[in-house]
PDB file of N, CA and C in Angstrom:
ATOM      1  N   GLY A   1      23.396  30.271  32.169  1.00  0.00           N
ATOM      2  CA  GLY A   1      23.741  29.396  31.091  1.00  0.00           C
ATOM      3  C   GLY A   1      24.060  28.003  31.596  1.00  0.00           C
ATOM      4  N   VAL A   2      24.149  27.098  30.675  1.00  0.00           N
ATOM      5  CA  VAL A   2      24.460  25.708  30.990  1.00  0.00           C
ATOM      6  C   VAL A   2      25.758  25.342  30.294  1.00  0.00           C
ATOM      7  N   TRP A   3      26.627  24.708  31.032  1.00  0.00           N
ATOM      8  CA  TRP A   3      27.880  24.227  30.471  1.00  0.00           C
ATOM      9  C   TRP A   3      27.967  22.753  30.771  1.00  0.00           C
ATOM     10  N   MET A   4      28.104  21.968  29.724  1.00  0.00           N
ATOM     11  CA  MET A   4      28.201  20.516  29.910  1.00  0.00           C
ATOM     12  C   MET A   4      29.499  20.034  29.297  1.00  0.00           C
ATOM     13  N   ARG A   5      30.037  18.983  29.898  1.00  0.00           N
ATOM     14  CA  ARG A   5      31.211  18.362  29.305  1.00  0.00           C
ATOM     15  C   ARG A   5      31.321  16.950  29.828  1.00  0.00           C
ATOM     16  N   PRO A   6      32.081  16.121  29.128  1.00  0.00           N
ATOM     17  CA  PRO A   6      32.258  14.749  29.603  1.00  0.00           C
ATOM     18  C   PRO A   6      32.983  14.719  30.935  1.00  0.00           C
ATOM     19  N   ASP A   7      32.848  13.641  31.629  1.00  0.00           N
ATOM     20  CA  ASP A   7      33.471  13.490  32.950  1.00  0.00           C
ATOM     21  C   ASP A   7      34.926  13.050  32.797  1.00  0.00           C
ATOM     22  N   ASN A   8      35.754  13.959  32.243  1.00  0.00           N
ATOM     23  CA  ASN A   8      37.159  13.620  32.065  1.00  0.00           C
ATOM     24  C   ASN A   8      38.089  14.703  32.615  1.00  0.00           C
ATOM     25  N   LEU A   9      37.588  15.478  33.542  1.00  0.00           N
ATOM     26  CA  LEU A   9      38.394  16.518  34.174  1.00  0.00           C
ATOM     27  C   LEU A   9      38.399  16.326  35.683  1.00  0.00           C
ATOM     28  N   SER A  10      39.356  16.934  36.317  1.00  0.00           N
ATOM     29  CA  SER A  10      39.457  16.895  37.776  1.00  0.00           C
ATOM     30  C   SER A  10      38.224  17.539  38.400  1.00  0.00           C
ATOM     31  N   ARG A  11      37.852  17.085  39.569  1.00  0.00           N
ATOM     32  CA  ARG A  11      36.700  17.654  40.270  1.00  0.00           C
ATOM     33  C   ARG A  11      37.117  18.644  41.351  1.00  0.00           C
ATOM     34  N   GLU A  12      38.356  19.028  41.388  1.00  0.00           N
ATOM     35  CA  GLU A  12      38.804  19.987  42.394  1.00  0.00           C
ATOM     36  C   GLU A  12      38.279  21.370  42.015  1.00  0.00           C
ATOM     37  N   LEU A  13      37.308  21.838  42.761  1.00  0.00           N
ATOM     38  CA  LEU A  13      36.655  23.107  42.465  1.00  0.00           C
ATOM     39  C   LEU A  13      36.799  24.034  43.655  1.00  0.00           C
ATOM     40  N   ASP A  14      37.062  25.298  43.359  1.00  0.00           N
ATOM     41  CA  ASP A  14      37.168  26.258  44.449  1.00  0.00           C
ATOM     42  C   ASP A  14      36.753  27.638  43.954  1.00  0.00           C
ATOM     43  N   GLY A  15      36.781  28.573  44.836  1.00  0.00           N
ATOM     44  CA  GLY A  15      36.478  29.957  44.494  1.00  0.00           C
ATOM     45  C   GLY A  15      35.079  30.141  43.949  1.00  0.00           C
ATOM     46  N   VAL A  16      34.971  31.009  42.953  1.00  0.00           N
ATOM     47  CA  VAL A  16      33.692  31.376  42.364  1.00  0.00           C
ATOM     48  C   VAL A  16      32.982  30.150  41.793  1.00  0.00           C
ATOM     49  N   VAL A  17      33.733  29.251  41.185  1.00  0.00           N
ATOM     50  CA  VAL A  17      33.113  28.064  40.593  1.00  0.00           C
ATOM     51  C   VAL A  17      32.384  27.260  41.661  1.00  0.00           C
ATOM     52  N   ALA A  18      33.045  26.988  42.757  1.00  0.00           N
ATOM     53  CA  ALA A  18      32.426  26.197  43.827  1.00  0.00           C
ATOM     54  C   ALA A  18      31.265  26.942  44.476  1.00  0.00           C
ATOM     55  N   ASP A  19      31.382  28.256  44.585  1.00  0.00           N
ATOM     56  CA  ASP A  19      30.361  29.054  45.261  1.00  0.00           C
ATOM     57  C   ASP A  19      29.115  29.311  44.413  1.00  0.00           C
ATOM     58  N   GLN A  20      29.282  29.449  43.099  1.00  0.00           N
ATOM     59  CA  GLN A  20      28.176  29.922  42.268  1.00  0.00           C
ATOM     60  C   GLN A  20      27.630  28.912  41.263  1.00  0.00           C
ATOM     61  N   CYS A  21      28.178  27.725  41.212  1.00  0.00           N
ATOM     62  CA  CYS A  21      27.754  26.760  40.198  1.00  0.00           C
ATOM     63  C   CYS A  21      27.081  25.547  40.821  1.00  0.00           C
ATOM     64  N   GLU A  22      26.141  25.005  40.094  1.00  0.00           N
ATOM     65  CA  GLU A  22      25.495  23.753  40.476  1.00  0.00           C
ATOM     66  C   GLU A  22      26.147  22.642  39.661  1.00  0.00           C
ATOM     67  N   PHE A  23      26.386  21.510  40.293  1.00  0.00           N
ATOM     68  CA  PHE A  23      27.030  20.396  39.611  1.00  0.00           C
ATOM     69  C   PHE A  23      26.148  19.168  39.701  1.00  0.00           C
ATOM     70  N   PHE A  24      26.145  18.392  38.648  1.00  0.00           N
ATOM     71  CA  PHE A  24      25.420  17.126  38.670  1.00  0.00           C
ATOM     72  C   PHE A  24      26.127  16.157  37.733  1.00  0.00           C
ATOM     73  N   VAL A  25      25.857  14.908  37.947  1.00  0.00           N
ATOM     74  CA  VAL A  25      26.380  13.863  37.076  1.00  0.00           C
ATOM     75  C   VAL A  25      25.188  13.162  36.455  1.00  0.00           C
ATOM     76  N   SER A  26      25.261  12.964  35.184  1.00  0.00           N
ATOM     77  CA  SER A  26      24.195  12.283  34.468  1.00  0.00           C
ATOM     78  C   SER A  26      24.815  11.184  33.621  1.00  0.00           C
ATOM     79  N   HIS A  27      24.074  10.135  33.430  1.00  0.00           N
ATOM     80  CA  HIS A  27      24.564   9.031  32.611  1.00  0.00           C
ATOM     81  C   HIS A  27      23.638   8.851  31.422  1.00  0.00           C
ATOM     82  N   HIS A  28      24.225   8.588  30.296  1.00  0.00           N
ATOM     83  CA  HIS A  28      23.469   8.384  29.071  1.00  0.00           C
ATOM     84  C   HIS A  28      23.863   7.022  28.533  1.00  0.00           C
ATOM     85  N   SER A  29      22.896   6.266  28.073  1.00  0.00           N
ATOM     86  CA  SER A  29      23.189   4.886  27.670  1.00  0.00           C
ATOM     87  C   SER A  29      24.073   4.798  26.431  1.00  0.00           C
ATOM     88  N   ASP A  30      23.989   5.762  25.536  1.00  0.00           N
ATOM     89  CA  ASP A  30      24.818   5.746  24.337  1.00  0.00           C
ATOM     90  C   ASP A  30      25.580   7.062  24.259  1.00  0.00           C
ATOM     91  N   SER A  31      26.749   7.080  24.843  1.00  0.00           N
ATOM     92  CA  SER A  31      27.534   8.312  24.941  1.00  0.00           C
ATOM     93  C   SER A  31      27.887   8.886  23.578  1.00  0.00           C
ATOM     94  N   SER A  32      28.185   8.038  22.613  1.00  0.00           N
ATOM     95  CA  SER A  32      28.546   8.529  21.279  1.00  0.00           C
ATOM     96  C   SER A  32      27.390   9.273  20.624  1.00  0.00           C
ATOM     97  N   SER A  33      26.187   8.739  20.730  1.00  0.00           N
ATOM     98  CA  SER A  33      25.044   9.432  20.125  1.00  0.00           C
ATOM     99  C   SER A  33      24.719  10.713  20.889  1.00  0.00           C
ATOM    100  N   LEU A  34      24.919  10.702  22.194  1.00  0.00           N
ATOM    101  CA  LEU A  34      24.714  11.926  22.969  1.00  0.00           C
ATOM    102  C   LEU A  34      25.695  13.003  22.520  1.00  0.00           C
ATOM    103  N   ALA A  35      26.970  12.652  22.396  1.00  0.00           N
ATOM    104  CA  ALA A  35      27.983  13.615  21.943  1.00  0.00           C
ATOM    105  C   ALA A  35      27.630  14.144  20.560  1.00  0.00           C
ATOM    106  N   ALA A  36      27.214  13.256  19.672  1.00  0.00           N
ATOM    107  CA  ALA A  36      26.852  13.668  18.314  1.00  0.00           C
ATOM    108  C   ALA A  36      25.642  14.599  18.308  1.00  0.00           C
ATOM    109  N   SER A  37      24.752  14.450  19.286  1.00  0.00           N
ATOM    110  CA  SER A  37      23.584  15.329  19.343  1.00  0.00           C
ATOM    111  C   SER A  37      23.909  16.686  19.969  1.00  0.00           C
ATOM    112  N   LEU A  38      24.967  16.751  20.765  1.00  0.00           N
ATOM    113  CA  LEU A  38      25.331  18.001  21.435  1.00  0.00           C
ATOM    114  C   LEU A  38      26.298  18.856  20.622  1.00  0.00           C
ATOM    115  N   TRP A  39      27.144  18.216  19.819  1.00  0.00           N
ATOM    116  CA  TRP A  39      28.146  18.937  19.032  1.00  0.00           C
ATOM    117  C   TRP A  39      28.084  18.458  17.593  1.00  0.00           C
ATOM    118  N   ASP A  40      28.231  19.376  16.666  1.00  0.00           N
ATOM    119  CA  ASP A  40      28.295  19.007  15.248  1.00  0.00           C
ATOM    120  C   ASP A  40      29.744  18.629  14.945  1.00  0.00           C
ATOM    121  N   LEU A  41      30.092  17.409  15.287  1.00  0.00           N
ATOM    122  CA  LEU A  41      31.473  16.954  15.165  1.00  0.00           C
ATOM    123  C   LEU A  41      31.966  16.924  13.715  1.00  0.00           C
ATOM    124  N   PRO A  42      31.162  16.475  12.748  1.00  0.00           N
ATOM    125  CA  PRO A  42      31.642  16.518  11.359  1.00  0.00           C
ATOM    126  C   PRO A  42      31.931  17.945  10.880  1.00  0.00           C
ATOM    127  N   LEU A  43      31.100  18.904  11.281  1.00  0.00           N
ATOM    128  CA  LEU A  43      31.332  20.295  10.890  1.00  0.00           C
ATOM    129  C   LEU A  43      32.616  20.823  11.525  1.00  0.00           C
ATOM    130  N   TRP A  44      32.831  20.525  12.813  1.00  0.00           N
ATOM    131  CA  TRP A  44      34.051  20.973  13.489  1.00  0.00           C
ATOM    132  C   TRP A  44      35.268  20.370  12.792  1.00  0.00           C
ATOM    133  N   ALA A  45      35.200  19.081  12.475  1.00  0.00           N
ATOM    134  CA  ALA A  45      36.322  18.401  11.828  1.00  0.00           C
ATOM    135  C   ALA A  45      36.595  18.986  10.440  1.00  0.00           C
ATOM    136  N   ALA A  46      35.548  19.262   9.683  1.00  0.00           N
ATOM    137  CA  ALA A  46      35.719  19.834   8.345  1.00  0.00           C
ATOM    138  C   ALA A  46      36.380  21.209   8.427  1.00  0.00           C
ATOM    139  N   GLU A  47      35.973  22.011   9.389  1.00  0.00           N
ATOM    140  CA  GLU A  47      36.582  23.336   9.563  1.00  0.00           C
ATOM    141  C   GLU A  47      38.036  23.197  10.000  1.00  0.00           C
ATOM    142  N   ALA A  48      38.334  22.246  10.860  1.00  0.00           N
ATOM    143  CA  ALA A  48      39.723  22.014  11.277  1.00  0.00           C
ATOM    144  C   ALA A  48      40.576  21.613  10.078  1.00  0.00           C
ATOM    145  N   ASP A  49      40.051  20.750   9.219  1.00  0.00           N
ATOM    146  CA  ASP A  49      40.785  20.356   8.011  1.00  0.00           C
ATOM    147  C   ASP A  49      41.025  21.563   7.108  1.00  0.00           C
ATOM    148  N   ARG A  50      40.013  22.426   6.976  1.00  0.00           N
ATOM    149  CA  ARG A  50      40.182  23.644   6.168  1.00  0.00           C
ATOM    150  C   ARG A  50      41.271  24.520   6.759  1.00  0.00           C
ATOM    151  N   LEU A  51      41.282  24.639   8.084  1.00  0.00           N
ATOM    152  CA  LEU A  51      42.271  25.494   8.742  1.00  0.00           C
ATOM    153  C   LEU A  51      43.682  24.929   8.628  1.00  0.00           C
ATOM    154  N   LEU A  52      43.824  23.625   8.561  1.00  0.00           N
ATOM    155  CA  LEU A  52      45.148  23.042   8.315  1.00  0.00           C
ATOM    156  C   LEU A  52      45.688  23.531   6.972  1.00  0.00           C
ATOM    157  N   THR A  53      44.820  23.613   5.976  1.00  0.00           N
ATOM    158  CA  THR A  53      45.216  24.132   4.666  1.00  0.00           C
ATOM    159  C   THR A  53      45.520  25.619   4.743  1.00  0.00           C
ATOM    160  N   VAL A  54      44.704  26.363   5.474  1.00  0.00           N
ATOM    161  CA  VAL A  54      44.934  27.804   5.642  1.00  0.00           C
ATOM    162  C   VAL A  54      46.319  28.041   6.246  1.00  0.00           C
ATOM    163  N   LEU A  55      46.682  27.271   7.257  1.00  0.00           N
ATOM    164  CA  LEU A  55      48.003  27.420   7.875  1.00  0.00           C
ATOM    165  C   LEU A  55      49.108  27.116   6.872  1.00  0.00           C
ATOM    166  N   ASP A  56      48.912  26.093   6.056  1.00  0.00           N
ATOM    167  CA  ASP A  56      49.925  25.727   5.058  1.00  0.00           C
ATOM    168  C   ASP A  56      50.089  26.797   3.991  1.00  0.00           C
ATOM    169  N   GLU A  57      49.022  27.525   3.700  1.00  0.00           N
ATOM    170  CA  GLU A  57      49.048  28.498   2.608  1.00  0.00           C
ATOM    171  C   GLU A  57      49.300  29.932   3.063  1.00  0.00           C
ATOM    172  N   ALA A  58      49.378  30.184   4.355  1.00  0.00           N
ATOM    173  CA  ALA A  58      49.585  31.549   4.865  1.00  0.00           C
ATOM    174  C   ALA A  58      51.037  31.954   4.630  1.00  0.00           C
ATOM    175  N   GLU A  59      51.253  32.823   3.653  1.00  0.00           N
ATOM    176  CA  GLU A  59      52.614  33.229   3.308  1.00  0.00           C
ATOM    177  C   GLU A  59      52.974  34.598   3.869  1.00  0.00           C
ATOM    178  N   SER A  60      52.072  35.550   3.770  1.00  0.00           N
ATOM    179  CA  SER A  60      52.382  36.900   4.243  1.00  0.00           C
ATOM    180  C   SER A  60      52.110  37.010   5.740  1.00  0.00           C
ATOM    181  N   LEU A  61      52.638  38.071   6.341  1.00  0.00           N
ATOM    182  CA  LEU A  61      52.374  38.303   7.763  1.00  0.00           C
ATOM    183  C   LEU A  61      50.884  38.526   8.008  1.00  0.00           C
ATOM    184  N   ALA A  62      50.229  39.228   7.094  1.00  0.00           N
ATOM    185  CA  ALA A  62      48.787  39.469   7.249  1.00  0.00           C
ATOM    186  C   ALA A  62      48.011  38.155   7.179  1.00  0.00           C
ATOM    187  N   GLN A  63      48.367  37.289   6.236  1.00  0.00           N
ATOM    188  CA  GLN A  63      47.702  35.990   6.144  1.00  0.00           C
ATOM    189  C   GLN A  63      47.962  35.160   7.400  1.00  0.00           C
ATOM    190  N   GLY A  64      49.177  35.248   7.922  1.00  0.00           N
ATOM    191  CA  GLY A  64      49.508  34.529   9.151  1.00  0.00           C
ATOM    192  C   GLY A  64      48.690  35.019  10.329  1.00  0.00           C
ATOM    193  N   PHE A  65      48.497  36.333  10.402  1.00  0.00           N
ATOM    194  CA  PHE A  65      47.694  36.913  11.481  1.00  0.00           C
ATOM    195  C   PHE A  65      46.255  36.414  11.395  1.00  0.00           C
ATOM    196  N   MET A  66      45.699  36.452  10.183  1.00  0.00           N
ATOM    197  CA  MET A  66      44.317  36.006   9.993  1.00  0.00           C
ATOM    198  C   MET A  66      44.184  34.510  10.286  1.00  0.00           C
ATOM    199  N   ALA A  67      45.155  33.728   9.848  1.00  0.00           N
ATOM    200  CA  ALA A  67      45.125  32.285  10.106  1.00  0.00           C
ATOM    201  C   ALA A  67      45.180  32.012  11.601  1.00  0.00           C
ATOM    202  N   THR A  68      46.049  32.730  12.299  1.00  0.00           N
ATOM    203  CA  THR A  68      46.174  32.567  13.746  1.00  0.00           C
ATOM    204  C   THR A  68      44.841  32.845  14.437  1.00  0.00           C
ATOM    205  N   ALA A  69      44.204  33.943  14.066  1.00  0.00           N
ATOM    206  CA  ALA A  69      42.919  34.301  14.684  1.00  0.00           C
ATOM    207  C   ALA A  69      41.862  33.231  14.412  1.00  0.00           C
ATOM    208  N   GLU A  70      41.803  32.744  13.177  1.00  0.00           N
ATOM    209  CA  GLU A  70      40.809  31.716  12.839  1.00  0.00           C
ATOM    210  C   GLU A  70      41.036  30.425  13.615  1.00  0.00           C
ATOM    211  N   VAL A  71      42.295  30.002  13.686  1.00  0.00           N
ATOM    212  CA  VAL A  71      42.599  28.740  14.366  1.00  0.00           C
ATOM    213  C   VAL A  71      42.295  28.850  15.857  1.00  0.00           C
ATOM    214  N   ILE A  72      42.696  29.943  16.481  1.00  0.00           N
ATOM    215  CA  ILE A  72      42.433  30.104  17.917  1.00  0.00           C
ATOM    216  C   ILE A  72      40.929  30.086  18.189  1.00  0.00           C
ATOM    217  N   ARG A  73      40.165  30.833  17.385  1.00  0.00           N
ATOM    218  CA  ARG A  73      38.702  30.836  17.568  1.00  0.00           C
ATOM    219  C   ARG A  73      38.142  29.423  17.439  1.00  0.00           C
ATOM    220  N   HIS A  74      38.646  28.691  16.463  1.00  0.00           N
ATOM    221  CA  HIS A  74      38.127  27.338  16.244  1.00  0.00           C
ATOM    222  C   HIS A  74      38.526  26.390  17.376  1.00  0.00           C
ATOM    223  N   LEU A  75      39.757  26.473  17.818  1.00  0.00           N
ATOM    224  CA  LEU A  75      40.200  25.591  18.901  1.00  0.00           C
ATOM    225  C   LEU A  75      39.415  25.842  20.189  1.00  0.00           C
ATOM    226  N   LEU A  76      38.962  27.058  20.387  1.00  0.00           N
ATOM    227  CA  LEU A  76      38.143  27.354  21.569  1.00  0.00           C
ATOM    228  C   LEU A  76      36.797  26.625  21.527  1.00  0.00           C
ATOM    229  N   LEU A  77      36.388  26.188  20.350  1.00  0.00           N
ATOM    230  CA  LEU A  77      35.118  25.470  20.196  1.00  0.00           C
ATOM    231  C   LEU A  77      35.285  23.953  20.254  1.00  0.00           C
ATOM    232  N   ASP A  78      36.517  23.485  20.382  1.00  0.00           N
ATOM    233  CA  ASP A  78      36.759  22.039  20.458  1.00  0.00           C
ATOM    234  C   ASP A  78      36.117  21.515  21.739  1.00  0.00           C
ATOM    235  N   PRO A  79      35.241  20.512  21.643  1.00  0.00           N
ATOM    236  CA  PRO A  79      34.593  20.004  22.853  1.00  0.00           C
ATOM    237  C   PRO A  79      35.517  19.170  23.743  1.00  0.00           C
ATOM    238  N   TYR A  80      36.730  18.876  23.288  1.00  0.00           N
ATOM    239  CA  TYR A  80      37.688  18.070  24.070  1.00  0.00           C
ATOM    240  C   TYR A  80      37.044  16.806  24.623  1.00  0.00           C
ATOM    241  N   LEU A  81      36.416  16.081  23.750  1.00  0.00           N
ATOM    242  CA  LEU A  81      35.783  14.824  24.147  1.00  0.00           C
ATOM    243  C   LEU A  81      36.832  13.727  24.317  1.00  0.00           C
ATOM    244  N   PRO A  82      36.534  12.740  25.131  1.00  0.00           N
ATOM    245  CA  PRO A  82      37.437  11.583  25.232  1.00  0.00           C
ATOM    246  C   PRO A  82      37.541  10.899  23.864  1.00  0.00           C
ATOM    247  N   ASP A  83      38.671  10.277  23.601  1.00  0.00           N
ATOM    248  CA  ASP A  83      38.910   9.650  22.299  1.00  0.00           C
ATOM    249  C   ASP A  83      37.792   8.712  21.868  1.00  0.00           C
ATOM    250  N   GLU A  84      37.225   7.980  22.816  1.00  0.00           N
ATOM    251  CA  GLU A  84      36.194   7.004  22.445  1.00  0.00           C
ATOM    252  C   GLU A  84      34.901   7.657  21.951  1.00  0.00           C
ATOM    253  N   LEU A  85      34.741   8.961  22.158  1.00  0.00           N
ATOM    254  CA  LEU A  85      33.548   9.663  21.683  1.00  0.00           C
ATOM    255  C   LEU A  85      33.802  10.439  20.395  1.00  0.00           C
ATOM    256  N   LEU A  86      35.044  10.469  19.958  1.00  0.00           N
ATOM    257  CA  LEU A  86      35.388  11.221  18.754  1.00  0.00           C
ATOM    258  C   LEU A  86      35.274  10.339  17.517  1.00  0.00           C
ATOM    259  N   PRO A  87      34.872  10.943  16.398  1.00  0.00           N
ATOM    260  CA  PRO A  87      34.862  10.181  15.148  1.00  0.00           C
ATOM    261  C   PRO A  87      36.289   9.783  14.754  1.00  0.00           C
ATOM    262  N   ALA A  88      36.403   8.719  13.981  1.00  0.00           N
ATOM    263  CA  ALA A  88      37.717   8.289  13.491  1.00  0.00           C
ATOM    264  C   ALA A  88      38.357   9.422  12.689  1.00  0.00           C
ATOM    265  N   GLY A  89      39.648   9.593  12.845  1.00  0.00           N
ATOM    266  CA  GLY A  89      40.365  10.623  12.103  1.00  0.00           C
ATOM    267  C   GLY A  89      40.173  12.029  12.629  1.00  0.00           C
ATOM    268  N   TRP A  90      39.730  12.168  13.873  1.00  0.00           N
ATOM    269  CA  TRP A  90      39.470  13.490  14.463  1.00  0.00           C
ATOM    270  C   TRP A  90      40.716  14.371  14.328  1.00  0.00           C
ATOM    271  N   PRO A  91      40.599  15.572  13.743  1.00  0.00           N
ATOM    272  CA  PRO A  91      41.764  16.405  13.470  1.00  0.00           C
ATOM    273  C   PRO A  91      42.167  17.364  14.590  1.00  0.00           C
ATOM    274  N   GLY A  92      41.574  17.250  15.765  1.00  0.00           N
ATOM    275  CA  GLY A  92      41.865  18.205  16.840  1.00  0.00           C
ATOM    276  C   GLY A  92      43.334  18.255  17.225  1.00  0.00           C
ATOM    277  N   ASP A  93      43.931  17.113  17.522  1.00  0.00           N
ATOM    278  CA  ASP A  93      45.345  17.091  17.908  1.00  0.00           C
ATOM    279  C   ASP A  93      46.239  17.547  16.765  1.00  0.00           C
ATOM    280  N   ARG A  94      45.892  17.118  15.549  1.00  0.00           N
ATOM    281  CA  ARG A  94      46.688  17.530  14.381  1.00  0.00           C
ATOM    282  C   ARG A  94      46.678  19.042  14.221  1.00  0.00           C
ATOM    283  N   LEU A  95      45.499  19.661  14.392  1.00  0.00           N
ATOM    284  CA  LEU A  95      45.395  21.113  14.258  1.00  0.00           C
ATOM    285  C   LEU A  95      46.187  21.802  15.365  1.00  0.00           C
ATOM    286  N   ARG A  96      46.090  21.317  16.590  1.00  0.00           N
ATOM    287  CA  ARG A  96      46.852  21.927  17.687  1.00  0.00           C
ATOM    288  C   ARG A  96      48.357  21.819  17.441  1.00  0.00           C
ATOM    289  N   GLU A  97      48.816  20.653  17.005  1.00  0.00           N
ATOM    290  CA  GLU A  97      50.250  20.466  16.737  1.00  0.00           C
ATOM    291  C   GLU A  97      50.716  21.354  15.591  1.00  0.00           C
ATOM    292  N   ARG A  98      49.932  21.394  14.515  1.00  0.00           N
ATOM    293  CA  ARG A  98      50.304  22.219  13.359  1.00  0.00           C
ATOM    294  C   ARG A  98      50.297  23.689  13.744  1.00  0.00           C
ATOM    295  N   TYR A  99      49.337  24.112  14.542  1.00  0.00           N
ATOM    296  CA  TYR A  99      49.286  25.509  14.970  1.00  0.00           C
ATOM    297  C   TYR A  99      50.481  25.850  15.858  1.00  0.00           C
ATOM    298  N   THR A 100      50.878  24.948  16.739  1.00  0.00           N
ATOM    299  CA  THR A 100      52.047  25.186  17.595  1.00  0.00           C
ATOM    300  C   THR A 100      53.285  25.433  16.739  1.00  0.00           C
ATOM    301  N   ASP A 101      53.491  24.609  15.723  1.00  0.00           N
ATOM    302  CA  ASP A 101      54.629  24.796  14.813  1.00  0.00           C
ATOM    303  C   ASP A 101      54.496  26.099  14.037  1.00  0.00           C
ATOM    304  N   PHE A 102      53.291  26.358  13.532  1.00  0.00           N
ATOM    305  CA  PHE A 102      53.046  27.577  12.769  1.00  0.00           C
ATOM    306  C   PHE A 102      53.330  28.810  13.616  1.00  0.00           C
ATOM    307  N   LYS A 103      52.828  28.804  14.854  1.00  0.00           N
ATOM    308  CA  LYS A 103      52.987  29.963  15.741  1.00  0.00           C
ATOM    309  C   LYS A 103      54.459  30.253  16.004  1.00  0.00           C
ATOM    310  N   ALA A 104      55.260  29.222  16.214  1.00  0.00           N
ATOM    311  CA  ALA A 104      56.691  29.421  16.461  1.00  0.00           C
ATOM    312  C   ALA A 104      57.352  30.068  15.250  1.00  0.00           C
ATOM    313  N   ASN A 105      57.053  29.565  14.064  1.00  0.00           N
ATOM    314  CA  ASN A 105      57.624  30.114  12.838  1.00  0.00           C
ATOM    315  C   ASN A 105      57.114  31.526  12.583  1.00  0.00           C
ATOM    316  N   TYR A 106      55.817  31.728  12.764  1.00  0.00           N
ATOM    317  CA  TYR A 106      55.214  33.041  12.527  1.00  0.00           C
ATOM    318  C   TYR A 106      55.762  34.075  13.505  1.00  0.00           C
ATOM    319  N   SER A 107      55.917  33.702  14.758  1.00  0.00           N
ATOM    320  CA  SER A 107      56.461  34.627  15.761  1.00  0.00           C
ATOM    321  C   SER A 107      57.866  35.063  15.387  1.00  0.00           C
ATOM    322  N   GLU A 108      58.669  34.130  14.897  1.00  0.00           N
ATOM    323  CA  GLU A 108      60.036  34.463  14.473  1.00  0.00           C
ATOM    324  C   GLU A 108      60.014  35.402  13.270  1.00  0.00           C
ATOM    325  N   ARG A 109      59.161  35.119  12.298  1.00  0.00           N
ATOM    326  CA  ARG A 109      59.042  36.003  11.129  1.00  0.00           C
ATOM    327  C   ARG A 109      58.585  37.392  11.549  1.00  0.00           C
ATOM    328  N   LEU A 110      57.654  37.468  12.480  1.00  0.00           N
ATOM    329  CA  LEU A 110      57.143  38.748  12.958  1.00  0.00           C
ATOM    330  C   LEU A 110      58.232  39.524  13.696  1.00  0.00           C
ATOM    331  N   ARG A 111      59.008  38.831  14.533  1.00  0.00           N
ATOM    332  CA  ARG A 111      60.120  39.485  15.238  1.00  0.00           C
ATOM    333  C   ARG A 111      61.121  40.080  14.252  1.00  0.00           C
ATOM    334  N   LYS A 112      61.474  39.319  13.232  1.00  0.00           N
ATOM    335  CA  LYS A 112      62.426  39.809  12.220  1.00  0.00           C
ATOM    336  C   LYS A 112      61.872  41.032  11.507  1.00  0.00           C
ATOM    337  N   TYR A 113      60.585  41.020  11.200  1.00  0.00           N
ATOM    338  CA  TYR A 113      59.966  42.155  10.528  1.00  0.00           C
ATOM    339  C   TYR A 113      59.994  43.395  11.424  1.00  0.00           C
ATOM    340  N   ILE A 114      59.648  43.219  12.681  1.00  0.00           N
ATOM    341  CA  ILE A 114      59.604  44.348  13.614  1.00  0.00           C
ATOM    342  C   ILE A 114      60.997  44.900  13.879  1.00  0.00           C
ATOM    343  N   ASP A 115      61.967  44.002  14.011  1.00  0.00           N
ATOM    344  CA  ASP A 115      63.342  44.437  14.280  1.00  0.00           C
ATOM    345  C   ASP A 115      64.009  45.037  13.052  1.00  0.00           C
ATOM    346  N   GLY A 116      63.394  44.883  11.909  1.00  0.00           N
ATOM    347  CA  GLY A 116      63.900  45.484  10.685  1.00  0.00           C
ATOM    348  C   GLY A 116      64.993  44.692  10.098  1.00  0.00           C
TER     349      GLY A 116
END
């Protein structure tokens, strides 16, 4: 498989990664258009906005569980592009922050339920 990402991470590589992977650097004249061609950023943003609403509306423990699973799956698809390559109003940080707050509250509610 091929894994590509912007050049915004450390290059310290070791173990299996260093032994089994090929690395190259490529330059593209219009980074924003390249990013837009590699990732459907508007679709990702729209789903993140939907998930912000899902988190706000999750009242029961079951709804919280489902919301948690959806948000985690979606965050795993975030391309983590540098800010200059993201569309204006990118909801990635907002979703991560809202999920962090949600998870803390949900974990407490779950503990209370389990402890009876």
